[in-house]
Amino acid sequence: MSITIAIVKEACYQDLWVGASNEEPEVLAVNTLLRLGPLALISNWKADFIIVNSNYESKSNAFRKTQVKSSTPAYCLQVERREGVWGQNSQTVRIPSEYAKDPNTINWSNYNVVISINIAVPYKIRIANPQVAWVCLPGEGTLPCSVDGWHYLISHNCPNSPLPHGKIIHMPYTLLDPFFIESKFASGSIRSGIYLEVNSCPPSKRANWRENIQGLDILIDRTSQDVMYHPNTTQGHISSLVESKYFVKLGGRATRGNSLIEAISAGLACFLSPTDCFGGVPLPSYCYYENVLELAEKLNELEKSDSLRLQLVSQQRERLQEVLDLSYKQLVYAASHSNPLMQSKASFHSNLIRGFRNYLAKIMYKIGTRPNVINCAGPFFES
């Protein structure tokens, strides 16, 4: 079954792509604010990417505050317009507000599934389009406090089943075709060296990462490999991926594994400890090491046999393709098993009161009230 998909973000969202719905995914990739994100939705499944005007409903304000410490109106406008610190450190010169559309002007009936990053699409639009399966993809791994107003929520974890788990769709935040990065960005140069996963070093110590990654000196001594670290730009990151042979998570905090998916898509052999990834990225057992000496031994083994390295890369890509297939099947299931959204029975607010509260939230938000002040004492509701 083929389905039509839209992925939607609001103009003040601090991540993902800045561009139009008709642009190629490789163009969007280098015009992201931070991460590469679920580009397979566009490259593989022809999803439309839509930026909409920022949603100032009360629940959207409150949920945004759970992810961004500074979620004031001034902050949102800075993100929308690429001003202040955002303008100085941006990885794209594009302005989100210049691509934003009024959500009321979009024909949502064109889509079987709409994936909203955070609460980008107002509740009244979701209620008014019962034929659409409405799916929330949180910008961070924290889910909304309830599924009220959504058919499904996305967990950020890799799936192991073609069916959702209740109202949860398991799909990673970074979702890439197994060959996307290499096929779109490879320079043709001979690969060499180790590219270290960025979280191998704490943010506060990254300026001197060589001195602050435990075991790195041993790894270099035992393998004689050149080592690269994240250059802090999207373009530089992609270049490092397609120029390196090995992608190594060497200590640091555990992650969901988004960077591993990028590395697999770029054609690197990946290595990590068994406790480094909690997002369920399915990797061959050879990719795991217990200590830096075992890691060095495996890297040296692959250096002696390029066919073995390429075999490992192929196995990784097969696993990533399984992630894509299962993710798509869950979205297809969502499209065919979503009843029209209904007003929450648990809500004791009338439509009039709910509408007035969101109107008040919108007005107060624009004049400077912090979003967590609005309706943070009780359950979140929408209109």
Protein backbone atom coordinates (compact mmCIF):
# COMPACT_ATOMS: atom_id res chain seq x y z
CA MET A 1 0.00 0.00 0.00
CA SER A 2 1.27 3.44 -0.94
CA ILE A 3 0.51 6.42 1.26
CA THR A 4 0.98 10.18 0.97
CA ILE A 5 2.91 11.80 3.80
CA ALA A 6 3.58 15.34 4.96
CA ILE A 7 6.19 16.26 7.57
CA VAL A 8 5.53 19.61 9.19
CA LYS A 9 7.52 21.91 11.47
CA GLU A 10 6.71 25.36 12.80
CA ALA A 11 8.91 28.32 11.92
CA CYS A 12 10.25 28.67 15.47
CA TYR A 13 11.42 25.06 15.73
CA GLN A 14 15.15 25.16 16.41
CA ASP A 15 16.13 22.14 14.29
CA LEU A 16 15.81 20.54 10.87
CA TRP A 17 15.58 21.89 7.41
CA VAL A 18 14.84 25.33 6.02
CA GLY A 19 13.44 25.12 2.52
CA ALA A 20 10.48 24.49 0.25
CA SER A 21 8.51 21.30 -0.27
CA ASN A 22 9.74 20.86 -3.86
CA GLU A 23 13.44 20.83 -3.00
CA GLU A 24 15.64 17.76 -3.24
CA PRO A 25 16.49 16.04 0.06
CA GLU A 26 20.23 16.61 -0.41
CA VAL A 27 19.55 20.37 -0.62
CA LEU A 28 17.50 20.25 2.56
CA ALA A 29 20.26 18.21 4.25
CA VAL A 30 22.81 21.01 3.96
CA ASN A 31 20.22 23.61 4.94
CA THR A 32 19.38 22.15 8.32
CA LEU A 33 19.59 24.16 11.51
CA LEU A 34 21.14 21.27 13.44
CA ARG A 35 20.50 17.61 12.61
CA LEU A 36 19.86 15.71 9.36
CA GLY A 37 16.62 14.25 10.69
CA PRO A 38 14.15 11.88 8.97
CA LEU A 39 15.14 12.62 5.37
CA ALA A 40 14.06 9.16 4.22
CA LEU A 41 10.49 10.41 4.49
CA ILE A 42 11.32 12.68 1.57
CA SER A 43 13.99 10.75 -0.35
CA ASN A 44 12.31 7.33 -0.20
CA TRP A 45 8.62 8.00 0.38
CA LYS A 46 8.18 11.33 -1.42
CA ALA A 47 6.81 13.15 1.62
CA ASP A 48 6.08 16.87 1.38
CA PHE A 49 8.04 19.03 3.79
CA ILE A 50 6.08 22.03 5.06
CA ILE A 51 7.06 24.89 7.37
CA VAL A 52 4.04 26.55 8.99
CA ASN A 53 3.66 29.68 11.05
CA SER A 54 4.46 29.13 14.73
CA ASN A 55 1.62 27.63 16.73
CA TYR A 56 0.87 29.64 19.89
CA GLU A 57 -1.89 27.48 21.31
CA SER A 58 -1.49 26.83 25.02
CA LYS A 59 -0.42 23.21 24.72
CA SER A 60 2.06 24.02 21.98
CA ASN A 61 3.57 26.77 24.13
CA ALA A 62 3.89 24.49 27.13
CA PHE A 63 5.30 21.54 25.22
CA ARG A 64 7.85 23.76 23.47
CA LYS A 65 9.02 24.92 26.90
CA THR A 66 9.82 21.33 27.91
CA GLN A 67 12.45 21.17 25.15
CA VAL A 68 13.96 24.65 24.93
CA LYS A 69 15.07 26.39 28.12
CA SER A 70 14.66 29.81 26.56
CA SER A 71 11.26 29.63 24.92
CA THR A 72 10.22 33.25 25.21
CA PRO A 73 8.54 35.09 22.33
CA ALA A 74 11.82 36.88 21.65
CA TYR A 75 13.60 33.52 21.35
CA CYS A 76 10.98 32.18 18.93
CA LEU A 77 11.26 35.26 16.75
CA GLN A 78 15.06 34.92 16.72
CA VAL A 79 14.77 31.36 15.44
CA GLU A 80 12.14 32.30 12.86
CA ARG A 81 14.21 35.23 11.55
CA ARG A 82 17.74 33.86 12.18
CA GLU A 83 18.67 36.83 14.35
CA GLY A 84 21.10 37.28 17.23
CA VAL A 85 23.03 34.17 18.21
CA TRP A 86 21.08 32.12 15.69
CA GLY A 87 22.23 34.37 12.89
CA GLN A 88 25.86 34.16 14.01
CA ASN A 89 26.06 30.39 14.39
CA SER A 90 23.61 29.25 11.72
CA GLN A 91 24.62 26.46 9.37
CA THR A 92 22.35 27.86 6.65
CA VAL A 93 21.71 31.40 5.50
CA ARG A 94 18.05 30.64 4.90
CA ILE A 95 15.32 32.28 7.01
CA PRO A 96 12.56 29.94 8.31
CA SER A 97 9.90 32.66 8.40
CA GLU A 98 10.39 33.25 4.67
CA TYR A 99 9.26 29.68 3.95
CA ALA A 100 6.44 29.52 6.50
CA LYS A 101 2.83 29.04 5.40
CA ASP A 102 -0.48 29.64 7.10
CA PRO A 103 -1.63 26.13 8.12
CA ASN A 104 -5.21 27.08 7.30
CA THR A 105 -4.28 27.45 3.61
CA ILE A 106 -2.90 23.92 3.24
CA ASN A 107 -5.08 21.17 1.78
CA TRP A 108 -4.47 18.55 4.45
CA SER A 109 -6.87 16.14 2.75
CA ASN A 110 -4.05 15.46 0.23
CA TYR A 111 -2.29 13.35 2.87
CA ASN A 112 -2.92 9.99 4.48
CA VAL A 113 -0.40 10.71 7.26
CA VAL A 114 0.78 14.05 8.62
CA ILE A 115 3.83 13.96 10.89
CA SER A 116 3.95 17.08 13.03
CA ILE A 117 7.24 17.92 14.72
CA ASN A 118 6.11 18.96 18.18
CA ILE A 119 2.67 20.58 18.02
CA ALA A 120 3.09 22.42 14.74
CA VAL A 121 -0.44 21.82 13.42
CA PRO A 122 -3.25 23.44 15.47
CA TYR A 123 -5.77 21.16 17.12
CA LYS A 124 -8.75 22.59 15.28
CA ILE A 125 -7.15 21.66 11.96
CA ARG A 126 -6.57 18.10 13.11
CA ILE A 127 -10.18 17.77 14.25
CA ALA A 128 -11.42 19.22 10.95
CA ASN A 129 -9.52 16.63 8.87
CA PRO A 130 -10.74 13.23 10.06
CA GLN A 131 -9.36 11.37 7.04
CA VAL A 132 -5.77 12.11 8.10
CA ALA A 133 -3.70 10.05 10.54
CA TRP A 134 -2.14 12.71 12.81
CA VAL A 135 1.26 11.71 14.19
CA CYS A 136 3.39 13.74 16.61
CA LEU A 137 7.17 13.52 16.33
CA PRO A 138 8.62 15.26 19.41
CA GLY A 139 11.72 17.31 18.75
CA GLU A 140 13.36 15.57 21.68
CA GLY A 141 12.80 12.14 23.17
CA THR A 142 10.24 13.45 25.69
CA LEU A 143 6.69 12.64 24.59
CA PRO A 144 3.66 14.90 25.13
CA CYS A 145 1.87 14.27 28.40
CA SER A 146 -1.00 12.49 26.62
CA VAL A 147 -2.10 11.23 23.21
CA ASP A 148 -5.12 13.53 23.36
CA GLY A 149 -5.33 15.17 19.94
CA TRP A 150 -3.06 12.64 18.22
CA HIS A 151 -3.53 9.24 16.67
CA TYR A 152 0.08 8.22 17.29
CA LEU A 153 3.30 9.47 18.86
CA ILE A 154 6.79 8.67 17.54
CA SER A 155 9.27 7.30 20.09
CA HIS A 156 12.69 8.05 18.46
CA ASN A 157 13.59 4.35 18.88
CA CYS A 158 14.21 1.89 16.06
CA PRO A 159 11.31 -0.49 15.36
CA ASN A 160 11.39 -4.26 15.67
CA SER A 161 7.83 -4.84 14.44
CA PRO A 162 5.69 -3.72 11.48
CA LEU A 163 2.95 -2.69 13.89
CA PRO A 164 2.82 0.26 16.30
CA HIS A 165 3.05 -0.48 20.00
CA GLY A 166 -0.35 0.78 21.06
CA LYS A 167 -0.33 4.46 20.15
CA ILE A 168 3.46 4.56 19.80
CA ILE A 169 5.19 4.33 16.43
CA HIS A 170 8.82 3.34 16.78
CA MET A 171 10.89 5.36 14.30
CA PRO A 172 14.24 7.09 14.86
CA TYR A 173 14.50 10.87 14.64
CA THR A 174 17.30 10.48 12.10
CA LEU A 175 15.97 8.19 9.38
CA LEU A 176 18.11 7.86 6.25
CA ASP A 177 18.28 5.59 3.25
CA PRO A 178 21.21 3.17 3.73
CA PHE A 179 23.04 4.77 0.76
CA PHE A 180 21.78 8.36 0.97
CA ILE A 181 24.82 10.21 2.35
CA GLU A 182 27.39 8.30 0.33
CA SER A 183 25.43 8.50 -2.94
CA LYS A 184 24.70 12.23 -2.61
CA PHE A 185 27.87 13.59 -1.04
CA ALA A 186 30.82 11.25 -1.68
CA SER A 187 33.77 13.11 -3.18
CA GLY A 188 35.45 10.13 -4.80
CA SER A 189 38.53 10.41 -2.58
CA ILE A 190 40.03 7.33 -0.96
CA ARG A 191 38.60 6.74 2.51
CA SER A 192 40.90 6.69 5.50
CA GLY A 193 40.96 7.15 9.25
CA ILE A 194 38.59 7.16 12.20
CA TYR A 195 35.74 9.61 12.68
CA LEU A 196 34.83 9.88 16.37
CA GLU A 197 31.20 10.13 17.44
CA VAL A 198 30.63 13.62 18.82
CA ASN A 199 29.34 12.44 22.21
CA SER A 200 32.58 10.61 22.91
CA CYS A 201 33.57 13.88 24.55
CA PRO A 202 31.45 16.05 26.90
CA PRO A 203 30.43 19.41 25.36
CA SER A 204 32.42 21.38 27.92
CA LYS A 205 35.65 19.62 26.92
CA ARG A 206 35.34 19.47 23.13
CA ALA A 207 37.76 22.33 22.52
CA ASN A 208 40.52 19.93 23.65
CA TRP A 209 38.90 16.68 22.62
CA ARG A 210 42.17 14.82 21.99
CA GLU A 211 43.14 15.19 25.64
CA ASN A 212 39.66 14.44 27.00
CA ILE A 213 38.59 11.22 25.27
CA GLN A 214 39.66 8.31 27.40
CA GLY A 215 41.54 5.59 25.53
CA LEU A 216 42.14 7.65 22.40
CA ASP A 217 45.91 7.67 22.79
CA ILE A 218 45.93 3.87 23.08
CA LEU A 219 43.70 3.52 20.02
CA ILE A 220 45.96 5.75 17.91
CA ASP A 221 49.09 3.97 19.15
CA ARG A 222 47.70 0.51 18.38
CA THR A 223 46.19 1.33 14.96
CA SER A 224 48.28 4.24 13.59
CA GLN A 225 45.00 5.67 12.27
CA ASP A 226 44.33 9.35 11.69
CA VAL A 227 41.47 10.57 13.85
CA MET A 228 38.86 13.23 13.09
CA TYR A 229 36.27 14.85 15.34
CA HIS A 230 33.01 16.68 14.62
CA PRO A 231 33.85 20.03 12.95
CA ASN A 232 30.67 21.69 14.30
CA THR A 233 29.08 22.34 10.90
CA THR A 234 26.70 20.18 8.91
CA GLN A 235 28.75 20.42 5.74
CA GLY A 236 31.95 19.56 7.60
CA HIS A 237 30.24 16.67 9.35
CA ILE A 238 29.01 15.21 6.06
CA SER A 239 32.47 15.60 4.52
CA SER A 240 34.05 13.81 7.47
CA LEU A 241 31.56 10.97 7.11
CA VAL A 242 32.24 10.32 3.43
CA GLU A 243 36.03 10.65 3.80
CA SER A 244 36.48 8.29 6.78
CA LYS A 245 36.59 4.50 6.98
CA TYR A 246 35.51 3.92 10.56
CA PHE A 247 33.00 5.54 12.88
CA VAL A 248 33.82 5.01 16.56
CA LYS A 249 31.92 5.82 19.73
CA LEU A 250 34.71 5.96 22.32
CA GLY A 251 33.25 6.57 25.77
CA GLY A 252 31.02 9.48 26.71
CA ARG A 253 27.29 9.41 27.32
CA ALA A 254 24.96 6.85 25.79
CA THR A 255 22.84 8.01 22.85
CA ARG A 256 19.82 6.86 20.84
CA GLY A 257 22.06 6.20 17.86
CA ASN A 258 21.12 8.90 15.34
CA SER A 259 24.78 9.44 14.48
CA LEU A 260 25.19 5.71 13.85
CA ILE A 261 22.43 5.86 11.25
CA GLU A 262 24.25 8.74 9.54
CA ALA A 263 27.49 6.76 9.56
CA ILE A 264 25.84 3.66 8.10
CA SER A 265 24.27 5.76 5.35
CA ALA A 266 27.72 7.18 4.59
CA GLY A 267 29.30 3.72 4.30
CA LEU A 268 31.44 3.63 7.45
CA ALA A 269 32.15 0.58 9.58
CA CYS A 270 30.71 1.43 13.01
CA PHE A 271 32.05 0.51 16.44
CA LEU A 272 30.67 1.11 19.93
CA SER A 273 30.48 -0.51 23.35
CA PRO A 274 27.38 -2.56 24.25
CA THR A 275 26.08 0.23 26.52
CA ASP A 276 26.62 3.15 24.12
CA CYS A 277 23.24 3.06 22.34
CA PHE A 278 19.79 2.77 23.91
CA GLY A 279 17.73 3.52 20.79
CA GLY A 280 17.70 0.00 19.43
CA VAL A 281 19.84 0.57 16.31
CA PRO A 282 20.32 -3.01 15.01
CA LEU A 283 24.00 -3.57 14.35
CA PRO A 284 25.99 -6.75 13.62
CA SER A 285 27.69 -8.21 16.69
CA TYR A 286 31.12 -7.45 15.21
CA CYS A 287 30.43 -3.73 15.71
CA TYR A 288 30.60 -4.03 19.52
CA TYR A 289 33.78 -4.00 21.58
CA GLU A 290 34.43 -4.50 25.30
CA ASN A 291 37.59 -2.40 25.61
CA VAL A 292 39.87 -0.22 23.52
CA LEU A 293 42.34 -3.06 22.92
CA GLU A 294 39.62 -5.22 21.35
CA LEU A 295 38.51 -2.21 19.29
CA ALA A 296 42.06 -1.69 18.00
CA GLU A 297 42.33 -5.37 17.14
CA LYS A 298 39.13 -5.24 15.07
CA LEU A 299 40.19 -2.10 13.24
CA ASN A 300 43.54 -3.66 12.37
CA GLU A 301 41.77 -6.78 11.13
CA LEU A 302 39.60 -4.72 8.79
CA GLU A 303 42.63 -2.77 7.59
CA LYS A 304 44.17 -6.05 6.46
CA SER A 305 41.01 -7.16 4.64
CA ASP A 306 39.02 -4.55 2.78
CA SER A 307 36.56 -7.23 1.69
CA LEU A 308 35.78 -7.91 5.35
CA ARG A 309 35.21 -4.20 5.97
CA LEU A 310 32.89 -3.92 2.98
CA GLN A 311 31.02 -7.00 4.14
CA LEU A 312 30.44 -5.37 7.52
CA VAL A 313 29.26 -2.15 5.84
CA SER A 314 26.84 -4.18 3.73
CA GLN A 315 25.45 -5.96 6.79
CA GLN A 316 24.93 -2.63 8.54
CA ARG A 317 23.04 -1.29 5.55
CA GLU A 318 20.81 -4.36 5.44
CA ARG A 319 19.87 -3.73 9.08
CA LEU A 320 19.18 -0.06 8.38
CA GLN A 321 16.97 -1.00 5.44
CA GLU A 322 14.97 -3.16 7.83
CA VAL A 323 14.49 -0.12 10.06
CA LEU A 324 13.13 1.83 7.08
CA ASP A 325 10.82 -0.99 6.00
CA LEU A 326 9.36 -1.46 9.47
CA SER A 327 8.94 2.28 9.99
CA TYR A 328 7.04 2.63 6.73
CA LYS A 329 4.80 -0.35 7.55
CA GLN A 330 3.88 1.28 10.86
CA LEU A 331 2.92 4.49 9.05
CA VAL A 332 0.85 2.49 6.56
CA TYR A 333 -0.89 0.80 9.49
CA ALA A 334 -1.53 4.19 11.07
CA ALA A 335 -3.08 5.48 7.85
CA SER A 336 -5.56 2.62 7.70
CA HIS A 337 -6.37 2.30 11.42
CA SER A 338 -6.99 5.87 12.55
CA ASN A 339 -10.50 6.88 13.54
CA PRO A 340 -11.51 10.55 13.43
CA LEU A 341 -10.12 12.48 16.36
CA MET A 342 -12.71 13.34 18.97
CA GLN A 343 -12.88 15.95 21.68
CA SER A 344 -11.37 14.50 24.85
CA LYS A 345 -14.09 13.03 27.06
CA ALA A 346 -11.92 13.77 30.07
CA SER A 347 -12.02 17.47 29.35
CA PHE A 348 -14.49 19.43 31.45
CA HIS A 349 -13.85 22.58 29.44
CA SER A 350 -16.51 23.66 26.99
CA ASN A 351 -15.47 24.58 23.45
CA LEU A 352 -16.04 28.23 24.31
CA ILE A 353 -13.83 28.18 27.40
CA ARG A 354 -11.12 26.18 25.66
CA GLY A 355 -11.09 28.58 22.74
CA PHE A 356 -10.95 31.58 25.06
CA ARG A 357 -8.04 30.12 27.02
CA ASN A 358 -6.00 29.51 23.87
CA TYR A 359 -6.83 32.99 22.60
CA LEU A 360 -5.59 34.37 25.93
CA ALA A 361 -2.45 32.20 25.73
CA LYS A 362 -1.70 33.49 22.25
CA ILE A 363 -2.11 37.13 23.29
CA MET A 364 -0.07 36.74 26.49
CA TYR A 365 2.65 34.84 24.64
CA LYS A 366 3.04 37.62 22.10
CA ILE A 367 3.34 40.32 24.75
CA GLY A 368 6.01 38.48 26.66
CA THR A 369 4.49 35.99 29.11
CA ARG A 370 6.60 32.87 29.33
CA PRO A 371 4.72 29.87 27.89
CA ASN A 372 4.98 27.79 31.04
CA VAL A 373 2.89 30.40 32.87
CA ILE A 374 -0.08 29.61 30.66
CA ASN A 375 -2.07 26.62 31.88
CA CYS A 376 0.77 24.79 33.59
CA ALA A 377 -1.11 23.97 36.80
CA GLY A 378 -3.43 21.37 35.28
CA PRO A 379 -3.68 18.96 32.37
CA PHE A 380 -2.90 20.28 28.90
CA PHE A 381 -5.80 20.68 26.52
CA GLU A 382 -6.13 22.12 23.05
CA SER A 383 -8.67 23.81 20.85
